[in-house]
């Protein structure tokens, strides 16, 4: 009986799948509307002023950040669904999640992109001062740490597969 309860409890993960999917749709929809709004604003305020240009660039960078975050939530939803319910749902190979490490690696890779876009937005809106250097250094440290983690995981997987190949021969 306890095993049935544990087996059935995996359906609680549907809450995370549905919640992540709703968050993805909401963010992507909002970002799409924001793009339309920015395009209309550009049409109304056509100017060759560099201050306006920086504002438009920053607005588009922020929208890209929303698109990336929406995509991350989608990857979480799909990844959790694949892990707990059905790993053959007809997605591209690069989106396939076979184990929890696959999902973590995809999320870590997305984190690097989000942090890069975040820094780019700060750099575009930067008004001077030294605070950008500390902010950039902290983001660089996080990106370096995550990149090391991803490369370590990649080497570990290659080492395991080499071991399996040598055992099979």
N, C-alpha and C. Protein backbone atom coordinates (compact mmCIF):
# COMPACT_ATOMS: atom_id res chain seq x y z
N UNK A 1 0.83 -1.19 0.00
CA UNK A 1 0.00 0.00 0.00
C UNK A 1 0.88 1.27 0.00
N UNK A 2 1.93 1.25 0.80
CA UNK A 2 2.81 2.41 0.87
C UNK A 2 3.48 2.67 -0.49
N UNK A 3 3.82 1.60 -1.19
CA UNK A 3 4.42 1.75 -2.51
C UNK A 3 3.45 2.41 -3.49
N UNK A 4 2.18 2.04 -3.42
CA UNK A 4 1.17 2.66 -4.29
C UNK A 4 1.05 4.15 -3.99
N UNK A 5 1.10 4.49 -2.71
CA UNK A 5 1.03 5.91 -2.34
C UNK A 5 2.23 6.65 -2.90
N UNK A 6 3.43 6.08 -2.74
CA UNK A 6 4.63 6.73 -3.27
C UNK A 6 4.59 6.82 -4.79
N UNK A 7 4.16 5.77 -5.44
CA UNK A 7 4.06 5.78 -6.90
C UNK A 7 3.06 6.83 -7.37
N UNK A 8 1.91 6.89 -6.71
CA UNK A 8 0.89 7.86 -7.08
C UNK A 8 1.26 9.29 -6.73
N UNK A 9 2.15 9.46 -5.76
CA UNK A 9 2.51 10.81 -5.34
C UNK A 9 3.27 11.58 -6.41
N UNK A 10 3.79 10.88 -7.41
CA UNK A 10 4.48 11.59 -8.49
C UNK A 10 3.54 12.56 -9.21
N UNK A 11 2.24 12.31 -9.12
CA UNK A 11 1.28 13.20 -9.78
C UNK A 11 1.23 14.59 -9.14
N UNK A 12 1.81 14.72 -7.96
CA UNK A 12 1.93 16.05 -7.36
C UNK A 12 2.82 16.95 -8.21
N UNK A 13 3.74 16.34 -8.94
CA UNK A 13 4.63 17.11 -9.80
C UNK A 13 3.85 17.80 -10.92
N UNK A 14 2.65 17.30 -11.23
CA UNK A 14 1.80 17.98 -12.23
C UNK A 14 1.53 19.43 -11.84
N UNK A 15 1.48 19.71 -10.55
CA UNK A 15 1.30 21.09 -10.10
C UNK A 15 2.45 21.95 -10.61
N UNK A 16 3.68 21.44 -10.47
CA UNK A 16 4.85 22.17 -10.96
C UNK A 16 4.85 22.28 -12.48
N UNK A 17 4.46 21.19 -13.15
CA UNK A 17 4.42 21.19 -14.62
C UNK A 17 3.41 22.23 -15.12
N UNK A 18 2.21 22.18 -14.58
CA UNK A 18 1.16 23.11 -15.02
C UNK A 18 1.50 24.54 -14.64
N UNK A 19 2.01 24.72 -13.41
CA UNK A 19 2.39 26.06 -12.98
C UNK A 19 3.49 26.65 -13.84
N UNK A 20 4.50 25.84 -14.16
CA UNK A 20 5.60 26.31 -15.01
C UNK A 20 5.11 26.62 -16.41
N UNK A 21 4.20 25.79 -16.92
CA UNK A 21 3.65 26.02 -18.26
C UNK A 21 2.82 27.31 -18.30
N UNK A 22 2.03 27.53 -17.28
CA UNK A 22 1.24 28.77 -17.21
C UNK A 22 2.17 29.98 -17.12
N UNK A 23 3.21 29.86 -16.29
CA UNK A 23 4.18 30.97 -16.17
C UNK A 23 4.87 31.23 -17.51
N UNK A 24 5.22 30.15 -18.23
CA UNK A 24 5.86 30.31 -19.54
C UNK A 24 4.93 31.03 -20.51
N UNK A 25 3.69 30.58 -20.60
CA UNK A 25 2.73 31.22 -21.50
C UNK A 25 2.53 32.70 -21.13
N UNK A 26 2.39 32.95 -19.84
CA UNK A 26 2.16 34.33 -19.38
C UNK A 26 3.35 35.22 -19.73
N UNK A 27 4.56 34.76 -19.46
CA UNK A 27 5.75 35.56 -19.77
C UNK A 27 5.92 35.78 -21.27
N UNK A 28 5.71 34.72 -22.05
CA UNK A 28 5.88 34.85 -23.50
C UNK A 28 4.81 35.76 -24.10
N UNK A 29 3.58 35.64 -23.62
CA UNK A 29 2.49 36.49 -24.09
C UNK A 29 2.77 37.95 -23.73
N UNK A 30 3.16 38.18 -22.47
CA UNK A 30 3.46 39.54 -22.01
C UNK A 30 4.62 40.13 -22.81
N UNK A 31 5.67 39.34 -23.05
CA UNK A 31 6.82 39.84 -23.81
C UNK A 31 6.41 40.17 -25.24
N UNK A 32 5.55 39.35 -25.84
CA UNK A 32 5.07 39.64 -27.18
C UNK A 32 4.30 40.95 -27.24
N UNK A 33 3.43 41.16 -26.25
CA UNK A 33 2.69 42.43 -26.19
C UNK A 33 3.64 43.61 -25.96
N UNK A 34 4.68 43.38 -25.17
CA UNK A 34 5.65 44.43 -24.89
C UNK A 34 6.41 44.82 -26.16
N UNK A 35 6.73 43.84 -27.01
CA UNK A 35 7.40 44.13 -28.28
C UNK A 35 6.52 45.03 -29.14
N UNK A 36 5.25 44.68 -29.23
CA UNK A 36 4.31 45.49 -30.02
C UNK A 36 4.24 46.91 -29.46
N UNK A 37 4.18 47.03 -28.16
CA UNK A 37 4.13 48.34 -27.51
C UNK A 37 5.39 49.16 -27.81
N UNK A 38 6.54 48.52 -27.75
CA UNK A 38 7.80 49.23 -28.02
C UNK A 38 7.85 49.67 -29.48
N UNK A 39 7.41 48.81 -30.38
CA UNK A 39 7.43 49.16 -31.81
C UNK A 39 6.54 50.37 -32.06
N UNK A 40 5.34 50.41 -31.45
CA UNK A 40 4.47 51.57 -31.61
C UNK A 40 5.10 52.82 -31.00
N UNK A 41 5.77 52.65 -29.87
CA UNK A 41 6.44 53.79 -29.23
C UNK A 41 7.55 54.32 -30.13
N UNK A 42 8.30 53.43 -30.76
CA UNK A 42 9.36 53.84 -31.69
C UNK A 42 8.74 54.60 -32.86
N UNK A 43 7.62 54.11 -33.35
CA UNK A 43 6.94 54.79 -34.46
C UNK A 43 6.48 56.19 -34.10
N UNK A 44 6.03 56.37 -32.85
CA UNK A 44 5.57 57.69 -32.41
C UNK A 44 6.72 58.64 -32.10
N UNK A 45 7.83 58.10 -31.60
CA UNK A 45 8.93 58.95 -31.13
C UNK A 45 10.16 58.82 -31.99
N UNK A 46 9.97 58.80 -33.31
CA UNK A 46 11.11 58.67 -34.20
C UNK A 46 12.04 59.84 -33.95
N UNK A 47 13.27 59.50 -33.61
CA UNK A 47 14.26 60.51 -33.30
C UNK A 47 15.64 59.92 -33.52
N UNK A 48 16.58 60.75 -33.80
CA UNK A 48 17.95 60.30 -33.94
C UNK A 48 18.76 60.64 -32.70
N UNK A 49 18.06 60.86 -31.60
CA UNK A 49 18.69 61.19 -30.33
C UNK A 49 19.24 59.92 -29.68
N UNK A 50 20.50 59.95 -29.27
CA UNK A 50 21.13 58.75 -28.71
C UNK A 50 20.52 58.35 -27.37
N UNK A 51 19.94 59.29 -26.64
CA UNK A 51 19.30 58.95 -25.36
C UNK A 51 18.05 58.10 -25.62
N UNK A 52 17.28 58.49 -26.63
CA UNK A 52 16.09 57.72 -27.00
C UNK A 52 16.53 56.34 -27.51
N UNK A 53 17.61 56.32 -28.32
CA UNK A 53 18.11 55.05 -28.84
C UNK A 53 18.48 54.11 -27.70
N UNK A 54 19.16 54.62 -26.67
CA UNK A 54 19.54 53.78 -25.53
C UNK A 54 18.30 53.25 -24.81
N UNK A 55 17.28 54.07 -24.69
CA UNK A 55 16.05 53.64 -24.04
C UNK A 55 15.36 52.53 -24.82
N UNK A 56 15.36 52.65 -26.13
CA UNK A 56 14.75 51.63 -26.97
C UNK A 56 15.55 50.33 -26.90
N UNK A 57 16.86 50.47 -26.96
CA UNK A 57 17.73 49.28 -26.87
C UNK A 57 17.51 48.58 -25.53
N UNK A 58 17.46 49.35 -24.46
CA UNK A 58 17.25 48.78 -23.13
C UNK A 58 15.88 48.09 -23.05
N UNK A 59 14.87 48.71 -23.62
CA UNK A 59 13.53 48.11 -23.61
C UNK A 59 13.53 46.77 -24.34
N UNK A 60 14.19 46.70 -25.49
CA UNK A 60 14.25 45.44 -26.23
C UNK A 60 15.08 44.39 -25.49
N UNK A 61 16.15 44.81 -24.83
CA UNK A 61 16.95 43.87 -24.04
C UNK A 61 16.10 43.29 -22.91
N UNK A 62 15.30 44.13 -22.28
CA UNK A 62 14.43 43.64 -21.20
C UNK A 62 13.38 42.66 -21.74
N UNK A 63 12.90 42.91 -22.95
CA UNK A 63 11.94 41.99 -23.56
C UNK A 63 12.61 40.66 -23.88
N UNK A 64 13.83 40.71 -24.38
CA UNK A 64 14.56 39.47 -24.66
C UNK A 64 14.72 38.67 -23.37
N UNK A 65 15.00 39.36 -22.28
CA UNK A 65 15.11 38.71 -20.97
C UNK A 65 13.80 38.00 -20.61
N UNK A 66 12.67 38.65 -20.88
CA UNK A 66 11.37 38.02 -20.62
C UNK A 66 11.16 36.79 -21.50
N UNK A 67 11.54 36.88 -22.77
CA UNK A 67 11.43 35.73 -23.66
C UNK A 67 12.28 34.56 -23.15
N UNK A 68 13.50 34.87 -22.73
CA UNK A 68 14.39 33.82 -22.22
C UNK A 68 13.81 33.19 -20.96
N UNK A 69 13.32 34.02 -20.05
CA UNK A 69 12.72 33.48 -18.83
C UNK A 69 11.48 32.64 -19.12
N UNK A 70 10.67 33.09 -20.07
CA UNK A 70 9.51 32.30 -20.48
C UNK A 70 9.92 30.96 -21.04
N UNK A 71 11.00 30.96 -21.83
CA UNK A 71 11.52 29.73 -22.38
C UNK A 71 12.06 28.81 -21.29
N UNK A 72 12.70 29.39 -20.28
CA UNK A 72 13.21 28.60 -19.16
C UNK A 72 12.06 27.91 -18.43
N UNK A 73 10.98 28.64 -18.19
CA UNK A 73 9.82 28.03 -17.53
C UNK A 73 9.23 26.91 -18.39
N UNK A 74 9.25 27.10 -19.71
CA UNK A 74 8.76 26.06 -20.61
C UNK A 74 9.65 24.81 -20.52
N UNK A 75 10.97 25.02 -20.51
CA UNK A 75 11.90 23.91 -20.41
C UNK A 75 11.70 23.17 -19.09
N UNK A 76 11.44 23.91 -18.02
CA UNK A 76 11.18 23.27 -16.72
C UNK A 76 9.92 22.42 -16.81
N UNK A 77 8.86 22.97 -17.39
CA UNK A 77 7.60 22.22 -17.50
C UNK A 77 7.80 20.95 -18.32
N UNK A 78 8.41 21.08 -19.48
CA UNK A 78 8.62 19.92 -20.36
C UNK A 78 9.56 18.92 -19.69
N UNK A 79 10.62 19.41 -19.08
CA UNK A 79 11.58 18.53 -18.44
C UNK A 79 10.98 17.73 -17.29
N UNK A 80 10.21 18.40 -16.45
CA UNK A 80 9.56 17.68 -15.35
C UNK A 80 8.54 16.67 -15.87
N UNK A 81 7.82 17.06 -16.92
CA UNK A 81 6.85 16.12 -17.50
C UNK A 81 7.57 14.89 -18.05
N UNK A 82 8.66 15.13 -18.77
CA UNK A 82 9.43 14.00 -19.31
C UNK A 82 9.98 13.11 -18.20
N UNK A 83 10.47 13.71 -17.13
CA UNK A 83 11.08 12.93 -16.05
C UNK A 83 10.05 12.09 -15.30
N UNK A 84 8.87 12.64 -15.08
CA UNK A 84 7.91 11.97 -14.20
C UNK A 84 6.79 11.23 -14.93
N UNK A 85 6.54 11.57 -16.20
CA UNK A 85 5.35 11.01 -16.84
C UNK A 85 5.60 10.33 -18.18
N UNK A 86 6.24 11.01 -19.11
CA UNK A 86 6.38 10.44 -20.45
C UNK A 86 7.63 11.01 -21.11
N UNK A 87 8.63 10.19 -21.32
CA UNK A 87 9.87 10.69 -21.91
C UNK A 87 9.88 10.59 -23.44
N UNK A 88 8.75 10.30 -24.05
CA UNK A 88 8.66 10.23 -25.51
C UNK A 88 7.54 11.13 -26.01
N UNK A 89 7.68 12.43 -25.80
CA UNK A 89 6.60 13.32 -26.19
C UNK A 89 6.88 14.05 -27.51
N UNK A 90 7.88 13.60 -28.25
CA UNK A 90 8.12 14.13 -29.59
C UNK A 90 8.75 15.52 -29.62
N UNK A 91 9.72 15.74 -28.77
CA UNK A 91 10.43 17.02 -28.77
C UNK A 91 11.76 16.87 -29.49
N UNK A 92 12.34 17.99 -29.90
CA UNK A 92 13.67 17.90 -30.52
C UNK A 92 14.67 17.26 -29.55
N UNK A 93 15.70 16.63 -30.09
CA UNK A 93 16.68 15.94 -29.26
C UNK A 93 17.36 16.83 -28.24
N UNK A 94 17.62 18.09 -28.61
CA UNK A 94 18.31 18.99 -27.69
C UNK A 94 17.44 19.34 -26.48
N UNK A 95 16.14 19.13 -26.59
CA UNK A 95 15.23 19.46 -25.49
C UNK A 95 14.89 18.24 -24.64
N UNK A 96 15.33 17.08 -25.09
CA UNK A 96 15.03 15.85 -24.35
C UNK A 96 15.69 15.85 -22.98
N UNK A 97 14.96 15.41 -21.99
CA UNK A 97 15.47 15.32 -20.62
C UNK A 97 15.33 13.86 -20.20
N UNK A 98 16.48 13.21 -19.99
CA UNK A 98 16.47 11.79 -19.64
C UNK A 98 16.66 11.55 -18.15
N UNK A 99 17.29 12.53 -17.48
CA UNK A 99 17.46 12.42 -16.04
C UNK A 99 17.53 13.82 -15.44
N UNK A 100 17.59 13.86 -14.13
CA UNK A 100 17.56 15.14 -13.44
C UNK A 100 18.79 15.99 -13.78
N UNK A 101 19.93 15.35 -14.04
CA UNK A 101 21.12 16.09 -14.43
C UNK A 101 20.94 16.80 -15.77
N UNK A 102 20.22 16.17 -16.70
CA UNK A 102 19.90 16.84 -17.98
C UNK A 102 19.12 18.13 -17.74
N UNK A 103 18.11 18.05 -16.88
CA UNK A 103 17.30 19.22 -16.59
C UNK A 103 18.13 20.31 -15.93
N UNK A 104 18.96 19.92 -14.96
CA UNK A 104 19.82 20.90 -14.29
C UNK A 104 20.78 21.55 -15.27
N UNK A 105 21.35 20.78 -16.18
CA UNK A 105 22.28 21.34 -17.16
C UNK A 105 21.59 22.34 -18.08
N UNK A 106 20.38 22.02 -18.51
CA UNK A 106 19.63 22.94 -19.36
C UNK A 106 19.32 24.24 -18.61
N UNK A 107 18.96 24.11 -17.36
CA UNK A 107 18.64 25.29 -16.56
C UNK A 107 19.88 26.12 -16.28
N UNK A 108 20.99 25.47 -16.02
CA UNK A 108 22.24 26.19 -15.77
C UNK A 108 22.68 26.93 -17.04
N UNK A 109 22.54 26.31 -18.19
CA UNK A 109 22.88 26.97 -19.44
C UNK A 109 21.99 28.20 -19.66
N UNK A 110 20.72 28.06 -19.36
CA UNK A 110 19.79 29.20 -19.50
C UNK A 110 20.15 30.30 -18.50
N UNK A 111 20.59 29.92 -17.31
CA UNK A 111 21.00 30.90 -16.30
C UNK A 111 22.14 31.76 -16.81
N UNK A 112 23.09 31.15 -17.50
CA UNK A 112 24.21 31.91 -18.06
C UNK A 112 23.69 32.97 -19.04
N UNK A 113 22.77 32.58 -19.90
CA UNK A 113 22.22 33.52 -20.88
C UNK A 113 21.45 34.64 -20.18
N UNK A 114 20.63 34.30 -19.17
CA UNK A 114 19.86 35.31 -18.44
C UNK A 114 20.80 36.30 -17.76
N UNK A 115 21.85 35.80 -17.13
CA UNK A 115 22.80 36.70 -16.47
C UNK A 115 23.53 37.59 -17.47
N UNK A 116 23.87 37.03 -18.63
CA UNK A 116 24.50 37.84 -19.66
C UNK A 116 23.59 38.95 -20.16
N UNK A 117 22.33 38.63 -20.37
CA UNK A 117 21.36 39.64 -20.81
C UNK A 117 21.14 40.68 -19.71
N UNK A 118 21.09 40.23 -18.46
CA UNK A 118 20.94 41.15 -17.33
C UNK A 118 22.09 42.14 -17.30
N UNK A 119 23.32 41.65 -17.45
CA UNK A 119 24.47 42.54 -17.44
C UNK A 119 24.43 43.49 -18.63
N UNK A 120 24.06 42.98 -19.79
CA UNK A 120 23.96 43.83 -20.98
C UNK A 120 22.98 44.98 -20.74
N UNK A 121 21.84 44.67 -20.13
CA UNK A 121 20.86 45.71 -19.81
C UNK A 121 21.43 46.74 -18.87
N UNK A 122 22.17 46.30 -17.87
CA UNK A 122 22.81 47.24 -16.93
C UNK A 122 23.86 48.08 -17.63
N UNK A 123 24.64 47.46 -18.52
CA UNK A 123 25.68 48.20 -19.23
C UNK A 123 25.09 49.27 -20.14
N UNK A 124 23.98 48.95 -20.79
CA UNK A 124 23.35 49.93 -21.68
C UNK A 124 22.78 51.10 -20.89
N UNK A 125 22.23 50.83 -19.71
CA UNK A 125 21.63 51.90 -18.92
C UNK A 125 22.61 52.56 -17.96
N UNK A 126 23.87 52.16 -17.99
CA UNK A 126 24.88 52.65 -17.06
C UNK A 126 25.12 54.14 -17.27
N UNK A 127 25.15 54.88 -16.17
CA UNK A 127 25.33 56.33 -16.21
C UNK A 127 26.72 56.75 -15.73
N UNK A 128 27.58 55.81 -15.43
CA UNK A 128 28.92 56.12 -14.93
C UNK A 128 29.07 55.60 -13.51
N UNK A 129 30.25 55.77 -12.97
CA UNK A 129 30.51 55.26 -11.62
C UNK A 129 31.21 53.92 -11.69
N UNK A 130 31.55 53.38 -10.54
CA UNK A 130 32.32 52.14 -10.50
C UNK A 130 31.46 50.93 -10.15
N UNK A 131 30.19 51.13 -9.87
CA UNK A 131 29.35 50.02 -9.44
C UNK A 131 29.13 48.97 -10.53
N UNK A 132 29.29 49.33 -11.79
CA UNK A 132 29.10 48.37 -12.88
C UNK A 132 30.20 47.31 -12.87
N UNK A 133 31.41 47.71 -12.49
CA UNK A 133 32.51 46.75 -12.44
C UNK A 133 32.25 45.66 -11.41
N UNK A 134 31.81 46.03 -10.22
CA UNK A 134 31.52 45.04 -9.18
C UNK A 134 30.37 44.14 -9.61
N UNK A 135 29.34 44.73 -10.22
CA UNK A 135 28.20 43.96 -10.70
C UNK A 135 28.64 42.98 -11.78
N UNK A 136 29.43 43.47 -12.74
CA UNK A 136 29.93 42.61 -13.81
C UNK A 136 30.83 41.51 -13.29
N UNK A 137 31.67 41.83 -12.32
CA UNK A 137 32.58 40.83 -11.74
C UNK A 137 31.79 39.74 -11.02
N UNK A 138 30.74 40.13 -10.31
CA UNK A 138 29.95 39.11 -9.61
C UNK A 138 29.21 38.21 -10.59
N UNK A 139 28.68 38.79 -11.66
CA UNK A 139 28.02 37.98 -12.69
C UNK A 139 29.04 37.07 -13.38
N UNK A 140 30.23 37.60 -13.66
CA UNK A 140 31.28 36.79 -14.29
C UNK A 140 31.67 35.62 -13.40
N UNK A 141 31.74 35.86 -12.10
CA UNK A 141 32.08 34.79 -11.17
C UNK A 141 31.01 33.69 -11.17
N UNK A 142 29.76 34.11 -11.18
CA UNK A 142 28.66 33.13 -11.22
C UNK A 142 28.69 32.35 -12.54
N UNK A 143 28.89 33.04 -13.64
CA UNK A 143 28.95 32.38 -14.94
C UNK A 143 30.13 31.42 -15.00
N UNK A 144 31.29 31.82 -14.47
CA UNK A 144 32.46 30.94 -14.47
C UNK A 144 32.19 29.69 -13.63
N UNK A 145 31.55 29.88 -12.48
CA UNK A 145 31.24 28.74 -11.61
C UNK A 145 30.27 27.78 -12.29
N UNK A 146 29.22 28.33 -12.88
CA UNK A 146 28.24 27.49 -13.57
C UNK A 146 28.88 26.80 -14.77
N UNK A 147 29.71 27.51 -15.51
CA UNK A 147 30.40 26.92 -16.67
C UNK A 147 31.31 25.78 -16.23
N UNK A 148 32.01 25.97 -15.12
CA UNK A 148 32.86 24.90 -14.59
C UNK A 148 32.01 23.69 -14.22
N UNK A 149 30.89 23.95 -13.56
CA UNK A 149 29.98 22.87 -13.18
C UNK A 149 29.51 22.11 -14.42
N UNK A 150 29.12 22.83 -15.46
CA UNK A 150 28.65 22.19 -16.68
C UNK A 150 29.77 21.41 -17.37
N UNK A 151 30.98 21.96 -17.41
CA UNK A 151 32.09 21.25 -18.06
C UNK A 151 32.48 20.02 -17.23
N UNK A 152 32.42 20.12 -15.91
CA UNK A 152 32.71 18.98 -15.04
C UNK A 152 31.70 17.87 -15.27
N UNK A 153 30.42 18.24 -15.36
CA UNK A 153 29.37 17.24 -15.63
C UNK A 153 29.60 16.61 -17.00
N UNK A 154 29.97 17.42 -17.99
CA UNK A 154 30.19 16.91 -19.34
C UNK A 154 31.36 15.93 -19.35
N UNK A 155 32.45 16.27 -18.66
CA UNK A 155 33.61 15.37 -18.59
C UNK A 155 33.24 14.08 -17.88
N UNK A 156 32.45 14.19 -16.82
CA UNK A 156 32.04 13.01 -16.05
C UNK A 156 31.23 12.07 -16.93
N UNK A 157 30.31 12.63 -17.73
CA UNK A 157 29.49 11.81 -18.63
C UNK A 157 30.38 11.15 -19.68
N UNK A 158 31.35 11.88 -20.24
CA UNK A 158 32.25 11.31 -21.25
C UNK A 158 33.08 10.19 -20.64
N UNK A 159 33.58 10.40 -19.41
CA UNK A 159 34.37 9.37 -18.74
C UNK A 159 33.55 8.11 -18.50
N UNK A 160 32.30 8.28 -18.10
CA UNK A 160 31.43 7.13 -17.86
C UNK A 160 31.17 6.39 -19.17
N UNK A 161 30.91 7.14 -20.25
CA UNK A 161 30.64 6.48 -21.53
C UNK A 161 31.90 5.81 -22.08
N UNK A 162 33.08 6.38 -21.84
CA UNK A 162 34.32 5.72 -22.27
C UNK A 162 34.50 4.41 -21.50
N UNK A 163 34.18 4.42 -20.23
CA UNK A 163 34.28 3.21 -19.42
C UNK A 163 33.33 2.14 -19.91
N UNK A 164 32.13 2.53 -20.31
CA UNK A 164 31.15 1.58 -20.83
C UNK A 164 31.62 1.03 -22.18
N UNK A 165 32.25 1.90 -23.01
CA UNK A 165 32.75 1.43 -24.30
C UNK A 165 33.88 0.43 -24.13
N UNK A 166 34.77 0.68 -23.18
CA UNK A 166 35.89 -0.24 -22.99
C UNK A 166 35.45 -1.56 -22.39
N UNK A 167 34.35 -1.52 -21.59
CA UNK A 167 33.83 -2.76 -21.02
C UNK A 167 33.16 -3.61 -22.10
N UNK A 168 32.55 -2.95 -23.09
CA UNK A 168 31.84 -3.67 -24.14
C UNK A 168 32.76 -4.30 -25.16
N UNK A 169 34.05 -3.83 -25.23
CA UNK A 169 34.95 -4.39 -26.23
C UNK A 169 35.73 -5.57 -25.74
